Every structure is written in C-alpha cells, then in structure tokens.
Protein backbone atom coordinates (compact mmCIF):
# COMPACT_ATOMS: atom_id res chain seq x y z
CA MET A 1 2.20 63.72 57.22
CA GLU A 2 5.27 61.97 55.81
CA ARG A 3 5.01 58.26 55.08
CA LYS A 4 7.93 55.99 55.89
CA CYS A 5 8.68 52.39 56.86
CA PHE A 6 8.94 52.55 60.64
CA TYR A 7 10.11 48.94 61.05
CA ASP A 8 11.45 46.20 58.81
CA TRP A 9 8.26 45.17 57.00
CA ARG A 10 9.49 41.58 56.65
CA ASP A 11 9.74 41.25 60.44
CA ILE A 12 6.22 42.60 60.89
CA ALA A 13 4.78 40.34 58.19
CA GLY A 14 6.69 37.35 59.58
CA GLU A 15 5.24 37.84 63.07
CA ILE A 16 1.72 38.12 61.66
CA VAL A 17 2.09 35.03 59.48
CA GLY A 18 3.50 33.01 62.40
CA PHE A 19 0.59 33.96 64.64
CA VAL A 20 -2.07 33.30 61.99
CA VAL A 21 -0.66 29.87 61.13
CA LYS A 22 -0.94 28.84 64.80
CA ASN A 23 -4.44 30.29 65.24
CA ARG A 24 -5.89 29.88 61.75
CA ASP A 25 -9.36 28.73 62.86
CA SER A 26 -9.75 31.73 65.19
CA VAL A 27 -8.79 34.46 62.71
CA ASP A 28 -11.43 36.22 60.61
CA TYR A 29 -9.28 39.15 59.53
CA VAL A 30 -5.75 40.38 60.03
CA THR A 31 -6.59 43.94 61.02
CA PHE A 32 -4.16 46.86 60.86
CA VAL A 33 -5.01 49.19 63.74
CA PRO A 34 -1.64 50.29 65.19
CA ASP A 35 -0.55 52.93 67.67
CA GLY A 36 -1.11 55.69 65.12
CA GLU A 37 -2.53 56.01 61.62
CA PRO A 38 -1.77 52.81 59.62
CA THR A 39 -1.44 54.56 56.25
CA LEU A 40 1.59 56.49 57.54
CA ASP A 41 3.45 53.19 57.11
CA ALA A 42 4.88 53.27 53.59
CA CYS A 43 5.33 49.48 53.78
CA LEU A 44 1.64 48.79 54.43
CA GLY A 45 1.05 47.50 50.90
CA ARG A 46 4.00 45.12 50.97
CA ILE A 47 2.98 43.70 54.36
CA THR A 48 -0.60 43.26 53.15
CA GLU A 49 0.48 41.41 50.01
CA LEU A 50 2.78 39.04 51.89
CA VAL A 51 0.28 38.26 54.66
CA LYS A 52 -2.48 37.49 52.16
CA ARG A 53 -0.20 35.35 50.01
CA GLU A 54 1.25 33.33 52.91
CA THR A 55 -1.93 32.85 54.97
CA GLY A 56 -4.91 33.23 52.64
CA VAL A 57 -6.57 35.28 55.40
CA ARG A 58 -8.48 38.46 54.62
CA VAL A 59 -6.86 41.78 55.58
CA ALA A 60 -8.68 44.78 57.03
CA VAL A 61 -7.36 48.32 57.60
CA LEU A 62 -8.96 50.85 59.95
CA THR A 63 -7.97 54.32 58.79
CA ASN A 64 -8.88 57.87 59.77
CA ALA A 65 -8.79 58.62 56.00
CA SER A 66 -6.57 61.68 56.49
CA LEU A 67 -4.06 60.61 53.82
CA LEU A 68 -6.42 59.24 51.18
CA TRP A 69 -5.69 62.25 48.98
CA MET A 70 -2.31 60.56 48.34
CA GLU A 71 -2.40 58.21 45.37
CA ASN A 72 0.10 55.77 46.89
CA VAL A 73 -2.06 55.48 50.02
CA ARG A 74 -5.12 54.67 47.95
CA ARG A 75 -3.11 52.10 46.01
CA ASP A 76 -1.94 50.37 49.21
CA LEU A 77 -5.45 50.29 50.66
CA GLU A 78 -6.88 48.76 47.48
CA LEU A 79 -4.96 45.59 48.39
CA ALA A 80 -7.02 45.15 51.58
CA ASP A 81 -10.22 43.09 51.62
CA LEU A 82 -11.96 45.51 53.99
CA VAL A 83 -11.30 49.18 54.68
CA SER A 84 -12.96 51.19 57.43
CA ILE A 85 -12.84 54.98 57.02
CA LYS A 86 -13.54 57.63 59.65
CA VAL A 87 -15.96 60.40 58.71
CA ASP A 88 -16.94 62.30 61.85
CA SER A 89 -17.98 65.47 60.04
CA VAL A 90 -17.91 67.13 56.62
CA ARG A 91 -17.57 70.60 58.18
CA GLU A 92 -14.02 71.92 58.56
CA ASP A 93 -14.39 73.53 61.99
CA VAL A 94 -16.18 70.55 63.50
CA TRP A 95 -13.70 68.09 61.97
CA ARG A 96 -10.77 70.04 63.44
CA ARG A 97 -12.27 70.08 66.92
CA ILE A 98 -13.01 66.36 66.99
CA ASN A 99 -10.07 64.91 65.07
CA ARG A 100 -7.37 67.52 65.76
CA PRO A 101 -5.61 66.96 62.40
CA HIS A 102 -2.17 68.15 61.39
CA PRO A 103 -2.41 71.91 60.62
CA SER A 104 -1.49 71.41 56.96
CA LEU A 105 -4.36 68.99 56.33
CA ARG A 106 -7.51 70.32 54.65
CA LEU A 107 -10.84 68.59 54.95
CA ASP A 108 -11.82 69.24 51.32
CA ARG A 109 -8.74 67.31 50.12
CA VAL A 110 -9.43 64.49 52.58
CA LEU A 111 -13.05 64.16 51.40
CA GLU A 112 -11.98 64.23 47.75
CA GLY A 113 -9.48 61.47 48.46
CA ILE A 114 -12.16 59.39 50.14
CA MET A 115 -14.43 59.82 47.12
CA GLU A 116 -11.66 58.81 44.72
CA PHE A 117 -10.84 55.74 46.76
CA ALA A 118 -14.47 54.64 47.10
CA ALA A 119 -15.02 54.96 43.34
CA ARG A 120 -12.24 52.45 42.55
CA TYR A 121 -12.21 50.17 45.58
CA ARG A 122 -13.56 46.66 45.00
CA GLY A 123 -13.39 45.34 48.57
CA VAL A 124 -15.76 45.87 51.49
CA LEU A 125 -15.96 49.56 52.44
CA ILE A 126 -17.40 50.56 55.80
CA SER A 127 -17.47 53.88 57.64
CA GLU A 128 -17.52 55.02 61.24
CA THR A 129 -18.89 58.30 62.55
CA MET A 130 -18.18 59.15 66.19
CA LEU A 131 -20.81 61.38 67.81
CA VAL A 132 -19.59 63.78 70.49
CA HIS A 133 -22.22 65.67 72.46
CA GLY A 134 -22.46 69.33 71.51
CA VAL A 135 -19.76 69.08 68.83
CA ASN A 136 -21.13 67.14 65.86
CA THR A 137 -24.66 66.54 67.11
CA GLY A 138 -27.64 68.17 65.39
CA ARG A 139 -29.93 67.33 62.48
CA GLY A 140 -28.04 69.44 59.96
CA GLU A 141 -24.75 67.84 60.92
CA TYR A 142 -26.18 64.33 60.67
CA ARG A 143 -27.79 65.04 57.31
CA ASP A 144 -24.64 66.48 55.73
CA THR A 145 -22.51 63.54 56.87
CA ALA A 146 -25.11 60.98 55.82
CA LEU A 147 -25.46 62.51 52.34
CA PHE A 148 -21.68 62.41 51.87
CA LEU A 149 -21.60 58.76 52.92
CA LYS A 150 -24.45 57.99 50.54
CA GLU A 151 -22.14 58.94 47.65
CA LEU A 152 -19.57 56.40 48.86
CA ARG A 153 -22.08 53.53 48.99
CA PRO A 154 -20.49 51.80 52.02
CA SER A 155 -21.56 48.26 52.91
CA LYS A 156 -22.21 49.54 56.41
CA ALA A 157 -22.16 52.98 58.03
CA TYR A 158 -21.52 52.68 61.76
CA ILE A 159 -22.54 55.38 64.22
CA SER A 160 -20.38 55.20 67.35
CA ILE A 161 -20.11 56.99 70.67
CA PRO A 162 -17.22 57.43 73.14
CA ILE A 163 -17.20 54.13 75.04
CA ARG A 164 -13.59 54.42 76.25
CA PRO A 165 -11.89 57.25 78.19
CA PRO A 166 -11.48 60.13 75.70
CA ALA A 167 -8.41 62.33 75.25
CA GLU A 168 -10.40 65.41 76.33
CA SER A 169 -12.90 65.73 79.16
CA PHE A 170 -15.41 67.61 76.94
CA ALA A 171 -15.87 64.51 74.74
CA LYS A 172 -19.15 63.20 76.12
CA PRO A 173 -21.50 60.65 74.54
CA PRO A 174 -24.56 62.07 72.77
CA THR A 175 -27.97 61.96 74.40
CA GLU A 176 -30.34 59.16 73.49
CA LYS A 177 -32.40 61.68 71.51
CA ASP A 178 -29.32 62.75 69.52
CA LEU A 179 -28.38 59.14 68.82
CA ILE A 180 -31.87 58.36 67.53
CA GLY A 181 -31.82 61.53 65.42
CA ALA A 182 -28.52 60.53 63.82
CA TYR A 183 -29.80 57.02 63.11
CA GLU A 184 -32.93 58.39 61.45
CA GLU A 185 -30.96 60.71 59.16
CA PHE A 186 -28.48 57.99 58.21
CA LYS A 187 -31.28 55.50 57.63
CA GLU A 188 -33.11 57.92 55.33
CA ALA A 189 -29.98 58.55 53.25
CA LEU A 190 -28.46 55.06 53.21
CA GLY A 191 -31.25 52.61 54.01
CA ALA A 192 -31.82 50.83 57.32
CA GLU A 193 -29.87 47.72 56.22
CA ARG A 194 -26.67 49.77 55.84
CA VAL A 195 -26.74 51.64 59.17
CA GLU A 196 -25.72 50.22 62.54
CA LEU A 197 -25.15 51.69 65.99
CA LEU A 198 -21.94 51.01 67.92
CA ASN A 199 -23.08 52.18 71.31
CA MET A 200 -22.30 49.14 73.44
CA PRO A 201 -18.97 48.10 75.01
CA GLU A 202 -16.87 45.84 72.81
CA PRO A 203 -16.24 42.22 73.88
CA PRO A 204 -12.99 41.29 75.63
CA PRO A 205 -9.97 40.20 73.53
CA ARG A 206 -10.04 36.54 72.51
CA LEU A 207 -6.38 35.82 71.77
CA ILE A 208 -3.05 36.77 73.34
CA SER A 209 0.14 36.63 71.32
CA GLY A 210 3.66 36.44 72.75
CA ASP A 211 4.64 37.55 76.23
CA PRO A 212 1.51 38.44 78.28
CA ALA A 213 2.96 41.66 79.75
CA THR A 214 4.16 42.84 76.34
CA TRP A 215 0.76 42.00 74.84
CA LEU A 216 -1.00 44.08 77.50
CA LEU A 217 1.32 47.06 77.02
CA ASN A 218 0.93 46.91 73.23
CA THR A 219 -2.84 46.59 73.44
CA THR A 220 -3.25 49.54 75.80
CA ALA A 221 -0.93 51.61 73.60
CA VAL A 222 -3.57 51.36 70.86
CA HIS A 223 -6.61 52.04 73.03
CA PRO A 224 -7.72 51.92 76.69
CA LEU A 225 -8.75 48.46 77.90
CA ARG A 226 -11.28 47.71 80.60
CA TYR A 227 -9.59 46.29 83.71
CA GLU A 228 -11.85 43.26 83.92
CA TYR A 229 -11.31 42.52 80.22
CA ALA A 230 -7.55 42.48 80.78
CA VAL A 231 -7.97 40.07 83.70
CA GLU A 232 -10.24 37.81 81.65
CA ALA A 233 -7.90 37.77 78.64
CA LEU A 234 -4.79 37.10 80.74
CA ASN A 235 -6.42 34.43 82.87
CA SER A 236 -5.58 31.61 80.46
CA ARG A 237 -1.89 32.59 80.27
CA VAL A 238 -1.00 33.98 83.69
CA GLU A 239 -1.48 32.41 87.12
CA ASP A 240 -2.34 35.74 88.75
CA PRO A 241 -3.48 38.34 86.15
CA VAL A 242 -4.24 41.00 88.78
CA LYS A 243 -0.71 40.74 90.19
CA LEU A 244 0.79 41.22 86.71
CA ILE A 245 -1.42 44.23 86.00
CA GLU A 246 -0.71 45.90 89.32
CA GLU A 247 3.05 45.39 88.87
CA LEU A 248 2.89 47.22 85.54
CA VAL A 249 0.90 50.00 87.25
CA ARG A 250 3.49 50.28 90.05
CA GLU A 251 6.26 50.46 87.44
CA ASN A 252 4.34 53.37 85.91
CA LEU A 253 4.04 51.56 82.57
CA LEU A 254 0.25 51.44 82.88
CA LEU A 255 -2.19 53.97 84.26
CA LYS A 256 -5.63 53.28 85.71
CA THR A 257 -8.41 55.69 84.89
CA GLU A 258 -12.15 55.67 85.54
CA TYR A 259 -14.75 56.35 82.87
CA ALA A 260 -18.51 55.79 82.95
CA GLY A 261 -18.23 53.82 86.19
CA ARG A 262 -15.56 51.43 84.85
CA VAL A 263 -11.80 51.20 85.44
CA TYR A 264 -9.65 51.25 82.31
CA LEU A 265 -5.97 50.55 81.72
CA VAL A 266 -4.05 53.04 79.59
CA ARG A 267 -0.46 52.89 78.37
CA ASN A 268 1.67 55.57 80.04
CA PHE A 269 3.52 57.18 77.14
CA LYS A 270 5.20 59.67 79.49
CA HIS A 271 7.10 56.90 81.25
CA LYS A 272 10.80 57.11 80.50
CA GLN A 273 12.31 53.78 79.54
C-alpha cells in the first residue's frame, strides 16, 4: 500500500536502455510487469521518462489498478504509451475472492480511480478480465463488468482464463458456455471490434537478457513458465538447457508443477539464500 523506490531507478533504467539499444529491431514495447504491482514503485515515472527519452521506444505498464485512486500513480501512468488495467469484477465480495487485495483497499475507490485515469489518459488503454469458474462467471456478473468497461472506452477489452498454474486449486477455467456468454455480453456493451479472448497459451519468450540462469529465475519469479518454453528460449544461449534447468530444480531455486497436462517451472520463494 505504500509506494517507495525499491532500487536505484537509474540502474534499472540503465539496464533497460542498454538492452533495448542492442535489440532495437526486436522491441515493440518496454513493458513493466515485475514481481509485484508496478505502481508500488514510486520511481516508475522517472524510469519511464528516461527510457522513452533515451530509446524512443514505447512503454507499456500492466497494472492491477489497485492504486489508481492515488493521484501520483495516475500521473506516473499517464507517461506510458499503453496501460493495461485489471478489472475482474465490479462486485466487492467477488473482487476480494479473486484478487485477494490488501484489507484496507476498497473496490469503490479503486473503480473511481480507474474512471478518473481513463478520463484523462491519452495513450492506449486496454483491460483484462480473468474468468474463474464459479467465482465471477454468470450473465449478471459479465454484464456489470462490461458496462463498467464501456464507460472507460478501452481500445481493447480482453477476456482471459487461467492458463498457468493458479495460486489456489479452486481457480479453474470457465466452461466453454461461460466463455461464450462473457464474450456475448462484452460484445453487446463494447462492440465486437473491441473484445478479444485470451484463452490460448502464450508464445515462448523471444529474447534472453544477461546470464541465462538469472534470466530464468527472474522470469519464473513473475509468472510460471512452461518447461518446453524454457528449453526453447535457452537453446540459443546454453549448450544443454535441460541440464541447467534441472540443476536449478535440484538446488531448490525452481519448482516443477503440473497444470492442464503441462509441466511448468515456478520460482521457489521459500528457498533460503
């Protein structure tokens, strides 16, 4: 809940600029999606400004929108070229079950902050709504969320499902019927051209920066990564990607978990350094 600069922002910006300069033709956006909520970083605005000035590359921020009721957060995000906000529900009880926010957060304040930001923002605004079976599925739920998003006028409203191992076992993907129902409600409120489903696995990472082992640990700290995607990504930098992965598993730095018939790699945060 309290913003602060977690690292020296000049170091962070310098690393980003160095990487972008070397890979300029392969970079569409510099995207802030850290291990945690990006707007908790009080230096986000300064990093964004420097990266844009030194590289000329567009900046995107993926936020859960929980702090948009803060004026300084909105001001920092206005510097980004694209902002993705998370709106899984507009009902307090449902929102708390899915997103598990800090106890002092209130959904009405979060939604008001989102509205204020959308009214002033001049970049590309997109939204993501994650559907969890039996939690935020149902016509009334879809309609309420879609009507709220309609007021924001996003360029695109994405409907997603759990495609990676979730934090809780109850978080199951919606049924095909539920997914179609959500799409229909969103399409009616927003128009078909502004609604898109994210129900397929993402492609493997294209670029690796720095030390391969460090890259893998940092990537899996942000989100689980399919085992075969890790092998494919590391193949161009490491002679034996499987050996590297299994060494990190034996050292208890990485965990292997199975979800939907696939093996995923997850950073082990309980490992004591």
